[in-house]
Amino acid sequence: MYSRTQNENGTYNTRCLDCMMTVASSIETEDDVERLESRHMCPERALAQLLTKETAIAAQAQRN
């Protein structure tokens, strides 16, 4: 998830709501913002996904 703001000059800023990192600032088009957001490698989101997978694997192991 991202938080986008539009500056007075019409450009955009975007921030990752998971790690609070500014992904881009002063970007001119929403298409460019979306492209940059899709390239963002969020460490917080990656860690959460890894923990979810680990939990599922552990639960499966306990069932067997």
PDB file of N, CA and C in Angstrom:
ATOM      1  N   MET A   1       0.840  -1.171   0.000  1.00  0.00           N
ATOM      2  CA  MET A   1       0.000   0.000   0.000  1.00  0.00           C
ATOM      3  C   MET A   1       0.886   1.236   0.000  1.00  0.00           C
ATOM      4  N   TYR A   2       0.407   2.241  -0.671  1.00  0.00           N
ATOM      5  CA  TYR A   2       1.167   3.473  -0.805  1.00  0.00           C
ATOM      6  C   TYR A   2       0.291   4.673  -0.488  1.00  0.00           C
ATOM      7  N   SER A   3       0.935   5.709  -0.030  1.00  0.00           N
ATOM      8  CA  SER A   3       0.264   6.982   0.205  1.00  0.00           C
ATOM      9  C   SER A   3       0.799   7.963  -0.825  1.00  0.00           C
ATOM     10  N   ARG A   4      -0.101   8.483  -1.637  1.00  0.00           N
ATOM     11  CA  ARG A   4       0.311   9.442  -2.662  1.00  0.00           C
ATOM     12  C   ARG A   4      -0.185  10.837  -2.289  1.00  0.00           C
ATOM     13  N   THR A   5       0.656  11.801  -2.560  1.00  0.00           N
ATOM     14  CA  THR A   5       0.257  13.195  -2.405  1.00  0.00           C
ATOM     15  C   THR A   5       0.622  13.930  -3.677  1.00  0.00           C
ATOM     16  N   GLN A   6      -0.161  14.970  -3.959  1.00  0.00           N
ATOM     17  CA  GLN A   6       0.136  15.783  -5.126  1.00  0.00           C
ATOM     18  C   GLN A   6       0.632  17.142  -4.652  1.00  0.00           C
ATOM     19  N   ASN A   7       1.737  17.567  -5.218  1.00  0.00           N
ATOM     20  CA  ASN A   7       2.335  18.848  -4.867  1.00  0.00           C
ATOM     21  C   ASN A   7       1.608  19.999  -5.566  1.00  0.00           C
ATOM     22  N   GLU A   8       1.855  21.195  -5.110  1.00  0.00           N
ATOM     23  CA  GLU A   8       1.221  22.376  -5.700  1.00  0.00           C
ATOM     24  C   GLU A   8       1.536  22.519  -7.187  1.00  0.00           C
ATOM     25  N   ASN A   9       2.711  22.047  -7.605  1.00  0.00           N
ATOM     26  CA  ASN A   9       3.097  22.173  -9.016  1.00  0.00           C
ATOM     27  C   ASN A   9       2.569  21.020  -9.878  1.00  0.00           C
ATOM     28  N   GLY A  10       1.762  20.142  -9.288  1.00  0.00           N
ATOM     29  CA  GLY A  10       1.141  19.053 -10.038  1.00  0.00           C
ATOM     30  C   GLY A  10       1.913  17.751 -10.019  1.00  0.00           C
ATOM     31  N   THR A  11       3.128  17.733  -9.467  1.00  0.00           N
ATOM     32  CA  THR A  11       3.891  16.487  -9.385  1.00  0.00           C
ATOM     33  C   THR A  11       3.409  15.664  -8.198  1.00  0.00           C
ATOM     34  N   TYR A  12       3.858  14.411  -8.138  1.00  0.00           N
ATOM     35  CA  TYR A  12       3.397  13.481  -7.113  1.00  0.00           C
ATOM     36  C   TYR A  12       4.554  12.988  -6.247  1.00  0.00           C
ATOM     37  N   ASN A  13       4.219  12.659  -5.014  1.00  0.00           N
ATOM     38  CA  ASN A  13       5.105  11.953  -4.090  1.00  0.00           C
ATOM     39  C   ASN A  13       4.383  10.680  -3.699  1.00  0.00           C
ATOM     40  N   THR A  14       5.139   9.638  -3.411  1.00  0.00           N
ATOM     41  CA  THR A  14       4.527   8.399  -2.944  1.00  0.00           C
ATOM     42  C   THR A  14       5.399   7.784  -1.863  1.00  0.00           C
ATOM     43  N   ARG A  15       4.737   7.221  -0.859  1.00  0.00           N
ATOM     44  CA  ARG A  15       5.426   6.629   0.281  1.00  0.00           C
ATOM     45  C   ARG A  15       4.828   5.256   0.556  1.00  0.00           C
ATOM     46  N   CYS A  16       5.701   4.289   0.846  1.00  0.00           N
ATOM     47  CA  CYS A  16       5.268   2.941   1.200  1.00  0.00           C
ATOM     48  C   CYS A  16       4.726   2.978   2.622  1.00  0.00           C
ATOM     49  N   LEU A  17       3.518   2.472   2.816  1.00  0.00           N
ATOM     50  CA  LEU A  17       2.910   2.478   4.145  1.00  0.00           C
ATOM     51  C   LEU A  17       3.369   1.318   5.015  1.00  0.00           C
ATOM     52  N   ASP A  18       4.120   0.376   4.441  1.00  0.00           N
ATOM     53  CA  ASP A  18       4.663  -0.726   5.232  1.00  0.00           C
ATOM     54  C   ASP A  18       5.978  -0.324   5.899  1.00  0.00           C
ATOM     55  N   CYS A  19       6.882   0.274   5.134  1.00  0.00           N
ATOM     56  CA  CYS A  19       8.203   0.629   5.676  1.00  0.00           C
ATOM     57  C   CYS A  19       8.398   2.134   5.831  1.00  0.00           C
ATOM     58  N   MET A  20       7.410   2.908   5.402  1.00  0.00           N
ATOM     59  CA  MET A  20       7.419   4.374   5.491  1.00  0.00           C
ATOM     60  C   MET A  20       8.522   5.027   4.648  1.00  0.00           C
ATOM     61  N   MET A  21       9.068   4.298   3.704  1.00  0.00           N
ATOM     62  CA  MET A  21      10.086   4.846   2.818  1.00  0.00           C
ATOM     63  C   MET A  21       9.435   5.680   1.728  1.00  0.00           C
ATOM     64  N   THR A  22      10.042   6.833   1.412  1.00  0.00           N
ATOM     65  CA  THR A  22       9.596   7.619   0.268  1.00  0.00           C
ATOM     66  C   THR A  22      10.075   6.895  -0.974  1.00  0.00           C
ATOM     67  N   VAL A  23       9.137   6.432  -1.776  1.00  0.00           N
ATOM     68  CA  VAL A  23       9.457   5.666  -2.972  1.00  0.00           C
ATOM     69  C   VAL A  23       9.829   6.602  -4.107  1.00  0.00           C
ATOM     70  N   ALA A  24       9.143   7.734  -4.195  1.00  0.00           N
ATOM     71  CA  ALA A  24       9.417   8.700  -5.257  1.00  0.00           C
ATOM     72  C   ALA A  24       8.892  10.070  -4.845  1.00  0.00           C
ATOM     73  N   SER A  25       9.544  11.088  -5.352  1.00  0.00           N
ATOM     74  CA  SER A  25       9.063  12.450  -5.098  1.00  0.00           C
ATOM     75  C   SER A  25       9.221  13.273  -6.367  1.00  0.00           C
ATOM     76  N   SER A  26       8.334  14.226  -6.506  1.00  0.00           N
ATOM     77  CA  SER A  26       8.319  15.146  -7.658  1.00  0.00           C
ATOM     78  C   SER A  26       8.191  14.417  -8.988  1.00  0.00           C
ATOM     79  N   ILE A  27       7.352  13.379  -9.033  1.00  0.00           N
ATOM     80  CA  ILE A  27       7.115  12.615 -10.258  1.00  0.00           C
ATOM     81  C   ILE A  27       5.967  13.262 -11.016  1.00  0.00           C
ATOM     82  N   GLU A  28       6.108  13.374 -12.327  1.00  0.00           N
ATOM     83  CA  GLU A  28       5.159  14.164 -13.109  1.00  0.00           C
ATOM     84  C   GLU A  28       3.867  13.461 -13.470  1.00  0.00           C
ATOM     85  N   THR A  29       3.873  12.142 -13.641  1.00  0.00           N
ATOM     86  CA  THR A  29       2.644  11.462 -14.054  1.00  0.00           C
ATOM     87  C   THR A  29       2.305  10.317 -13.107  1.00  0.00           C
ATOM     88  N   GLU A  30       1.028  10.005 -13.031  1.00  0.00           N
ATOM     89  CA  GLU A  30       0.591   8.875 -12.201  1.00  0.00           C
ATOM     90  C   GLU A  30       1.117   7.557 -12.745  1.00  0.00           C
ATOM     91  N   ASP A  31       1.267   7.462 -14.072  1.00  0.00           N
ATOM     92  CA  ASP A  31       1.836   6.238 -14.657  1.00  0.00           C
ATOM     93  C   ASP A  31       3.258   6.008 -14.160  1.00  0.00           C
ATOM     94  N   ASP A  32       4.050   7.073 -14.072  1.00  0.00           N
ATOM     95  CA  ASP A  32       5.419   6.948 -13.567  1.00  0.00           C
ATOM     96  C   ASP A  32       5.417   6.572 -12.091  1.00  0.00           C
ATOM     97  N   VAL A  33       4.476   7.116 -11.337  1.00  0.00           N
ATOM     98  CA  VAL A  33       4.363   6.770  -9.911  1.00  0.00           C
ATOM     99  C   VAL A  33       4.058   5.283  -9.768  1.00  0.00           C
ATOM    100  N   GLU A  34       3.107   4.781 -10.546  1.00  0.00           N
ATOM    101  CA  GLU A  34       2.744   3.365 -10.487  1.00  0.00           C
ATOM    102  C   GLU A  34       3.923   2.479 -10.871  1.00  0.00           C
ATOM    103  N   ARG A  35       4.685   2.895 -11.874  1.00  0.00           N
ATOM    104  CA  ARG A  35       5.856   2.127 -12.305  1.00  0.00           C
ATOM    105  C   ARG A  35       6.889   2.063 -11.180  1.00  0.00           C
ATOM    106  N   LEU A  36       7.139   3.182 -10.533  1.00  0.00           N
ATOM    107  CA  LEU A  36       8.115   3.210  -9.438  1.00  0.00           C
ATOM    108  C   LEU A  36       7.631   2.424  -8.224  1.00  0.00           C
ATOM    109  N   GLU A  37       6.343   2.507  -7.926  1.00  0.00           N
ATOM    110  CA  GLU A  37       5.795   1.720  -6.823  1.00  0.00           C
ATOM    111  C   GLU A  37       5.950   0.230  -7.090  1.00  0.00           C
ATOM    112  N   SER A  38       5.735  -0.192  -8.322  1.00  0.00           N
ATOM    113  CA  SER A  38       5.834  -1.621  -8.647  1.00  0.00           C
ATOM    114  C   SER A  38       7.267  -2.129  -8.526  1.00  0.00           C
ATOM    115  N   ARG A  39       8.238  -1.254  -8.608  1.00  0.00           N
ATOM    116  CA  ARG A  39       9.652  -1.636  -8.483  1.00  0.00           C
ATOM    117  C   ARG A  39      10.154  -1.609  -7.035  1.00  0.00           C
ATOM    118  N   HIS A  40       9.365  -1.048  -6.140  1.00  0.00           N
ATOM    119  CA  HIS A  40       9.796  -0.913  -4.748  1.00  0.00           C
ATOM    120  C   HIS A  40       9.918  -2.281  -4.091  1.00  0.00           C
ATOM    121  N   MET A  41      11.068  -2.546  -3.492  1.00  0.00           N
ATOM    122  CA  MET A  41      11.319  -3.785  -2.771  1.00  0.00           C
ATOM    123  C   MET A  41      11.234  -3.472  -1.283  1.00  0.00           C
ATOM    124  N   CYS A  42      10.064  -3.676  -0.703  1.00  0.00           N
ATOM    125  CA  CYS A  42       9.818  -3.312   0.681  1.00  0.00           C
ATOM    126  C   CYS A  42      10.324  -4.397   1.622  1.00  0.00           C
ATOM    127  N   PRO A  43      11.296  -4.083   2.480  1.00  0.00           N
ATOM    128  CA  PRO A  43      11.812  -5.089   3.404  1.00  0.00           C
ATOM    129  C   PRO A  43      10.769  -5.531   4.433  1.00  0.00           C
ATOM    130  N   GLU A  44       9.906  -4.635   4.859  1.00  0.00           N
ATOM    131  CA  GLU A  44       8.867  -4.986   5.837  1.00  0.00           C
ATOM    132  C   GLU A  44       7.868  -5.966   5.236  1.00  0.00           C
ATOM    133  N   ARG A  45       7.449  -5.717   4.014  1.00  0.00           N
ATOM    134  CA  ARG A  45       6.486  -6.603   3.355  1.00  0.00           C
ATOM    135  C   ARG A  45       7.118  -7.962   3.082  1.00  0.00           C
ATOM    136  N   ALA A  46       8.381  -7.970   2.664  1.00  0.00           N
ATOM    137  CA  ALA A  46       9.075  -9.231   2.403  1.00  0.00           C
ATOM    138  C   ALA A  46       9.196 -10.055   3.679  1.00  0.00           C
ATOM    139  N   LEU A  47       9.516  -9.407   4.780  1.00  0.00           N
ATOM    140  CA  LEU A  47       9.623 -10.111   6.060  1.00  0.00           C
ATOM    141  C   LEU A  47       8.273 -10.676   6.492  1.00  0.00           C
ATOM    142  N   ALA A  48       7.220  -9.899   6.334  1.00  0.00           N
ATOM    143  CA  ALA A  48       5.881 -10.367   6.711  1.00  0.00           C
ATOM    144  C   ALA A  48       5.479 -11.580   5.875  1.00  0.00           C
ATOM    145  N   GLN A  49       5.784 -11.549   4.578  1.00  0.00           N
ATOM    146  CA  GLN A  49       5.460 -12.687   3.716  1.00  0.00           C
ATOM    147  C   GLN A  49       6.263 -13.923   4.107  1.00  0.00           C
ATOM    148  N   LEU A  50       7.529 -13.730   4.436  1.00  0.00           N
ATOM    149  CA  LEU A  50       8.377 -14.843   4.857  1.00  0.00           C
ATOM    150  C   LEU A  50       7.854 -15.472   6.150  1.00  0.00           C
ATOM    151  N   LEU A  51       7.477 -14.647   7.113  1.00  0.00           N
ATOM    152  CA  LEU A  51       6.948 -15.161   8.375  1.00  0.00           C
ATOM    153  C   LEU A  51       5.636 -15.900   8.173  1.00  0.00           C
ATOM    154  N   THR A  52       4.800 -15.414   7.271  1.00  0.00           N
ATOM    155  CA  THR A  52       3.540 -16.088   6.967  1.00  0.00           C
ATOM    156  C   THR A  52       3.799 -17.472   6.383  1.00  0.00           C
ATOM    157  N   LYS A  53       4.761 -17.560   5.464  1.00  0.00           N
ATOM    158  CA  LYS A  53       5.106 -18.851   4.866  1.00  0.00           C
ATOM    159  C   LYS A  53       5.681 -19.799   5.915  1.00  0.00           C
ATOM    160  N   GLU A  54       6.567 -19.276   6.764  1.00  0.00           N
ATOM    161  CA  GLU A  54       7.159 -20.103   7.816  1.00  0.00           C
ATOM    162  C   GLU A  54       6.095 -20.651   8.756  1.00  0.00           C
ATOM    163  N   THR A  55       5.136 -19.823   9.113  1.00  0.00           N
ATOM    164  CA  THR A  55       4.053 -20.242  10.002  1.00  0.00           C
ATOM    165  C   THR A  55       3.220 -21.339   9.352  1.00  0.00           C
ATOM    166  N   ALA A  56       2.942 -21.188   8.063  1.00  0.00           N
ATOM    167  CA  ALA A  56       2.162 -22.195   7.349  1.00  0.00           C
ATOM    168  C   ALA A  56       2.923 -23.516   7.269  1.00  0.00           C
ATOM    169  N   ILE A  57       4.221 -23.449   7.034  1.00  0.00           N
ATOM    170  CA  ILE A  57       5.038 -24.666   6.964  1.00  0.00           C
ATOM    171  C   ILE A  57       5.078 -25.357   8.323  1.00  0.00           C
ATOM    172  N   ALA A  58       5.243 -24.585   9.383  1.00  0.00           N
ATOM    173  CA  ALA A  58       5.277 -25.154  10.737  1.00  0.00           C
ATOM    174  C   ALA A  58       3.940 -25.798  11.088  1.00  0.00           C
ATOM    175  N   ALA A  59       2.842 -25.150  10.727  1.00  0.00           N
ATOM    176  CA  ALA A  59       1.513 -25.702  11.003  1.00  0.00           C
ATOM    177  C   ALA A  59       1.302 -26.999  10.241  1.00  0.00           C
ATOM    178  N   GLN A  60       1.758 -27.039   8.986  1.00  0.00           N
ATOM    179  CA  GLN A  60       1.641 -28.248   8.180  1.00  0.00           C
ATOM    180  C   GLN A  60       2.467 -29.378   8.780  1.00  0.00           C
ATOM    181  N   ALA A  61       3.654 -29.075   9.260  1.00  0.00           N
ATOM    182  CA  ALA A  61       4.526 -30.075   9.865  1.00  0.00           C
ATOM    183  C   ALA A  61       3.911 -30.666  11.120  1.00  0.00           C
ATOM    184  N   GLN A  62       3.229 -29.841  11.899  1.00  0.00           N
ATOM    185  CA  GLN A  62       2.587 -30.325  13.127  1.00  0.00           C
ATOM    186  C   GLN A  62       1.428 -31.257  12.817  1.00  0.00           C
ATOM    187  N   ARG A  63       0.752 -31.023  11.722  1.00  0.00           N
ATOM    188  CA  ARG A  63      -0.385 -31.868  11.333  1.00  0.00           C
ATOM    189  C   ARG A  63       0.070 -33.243  10.871  1.00  0.00           C
ATOM    190  N   ASN A  64       1.290 -33.312  10.366  1.00  0.00           N
ATOM    191  CA  ASN A  64       1.791 -34.601   9.819  1.00  0.00           C
ATOM    192  C   ASN A  64       2.444 -35.425  10.847  1.00  0.00           C
TER     193      ASN A  64
END
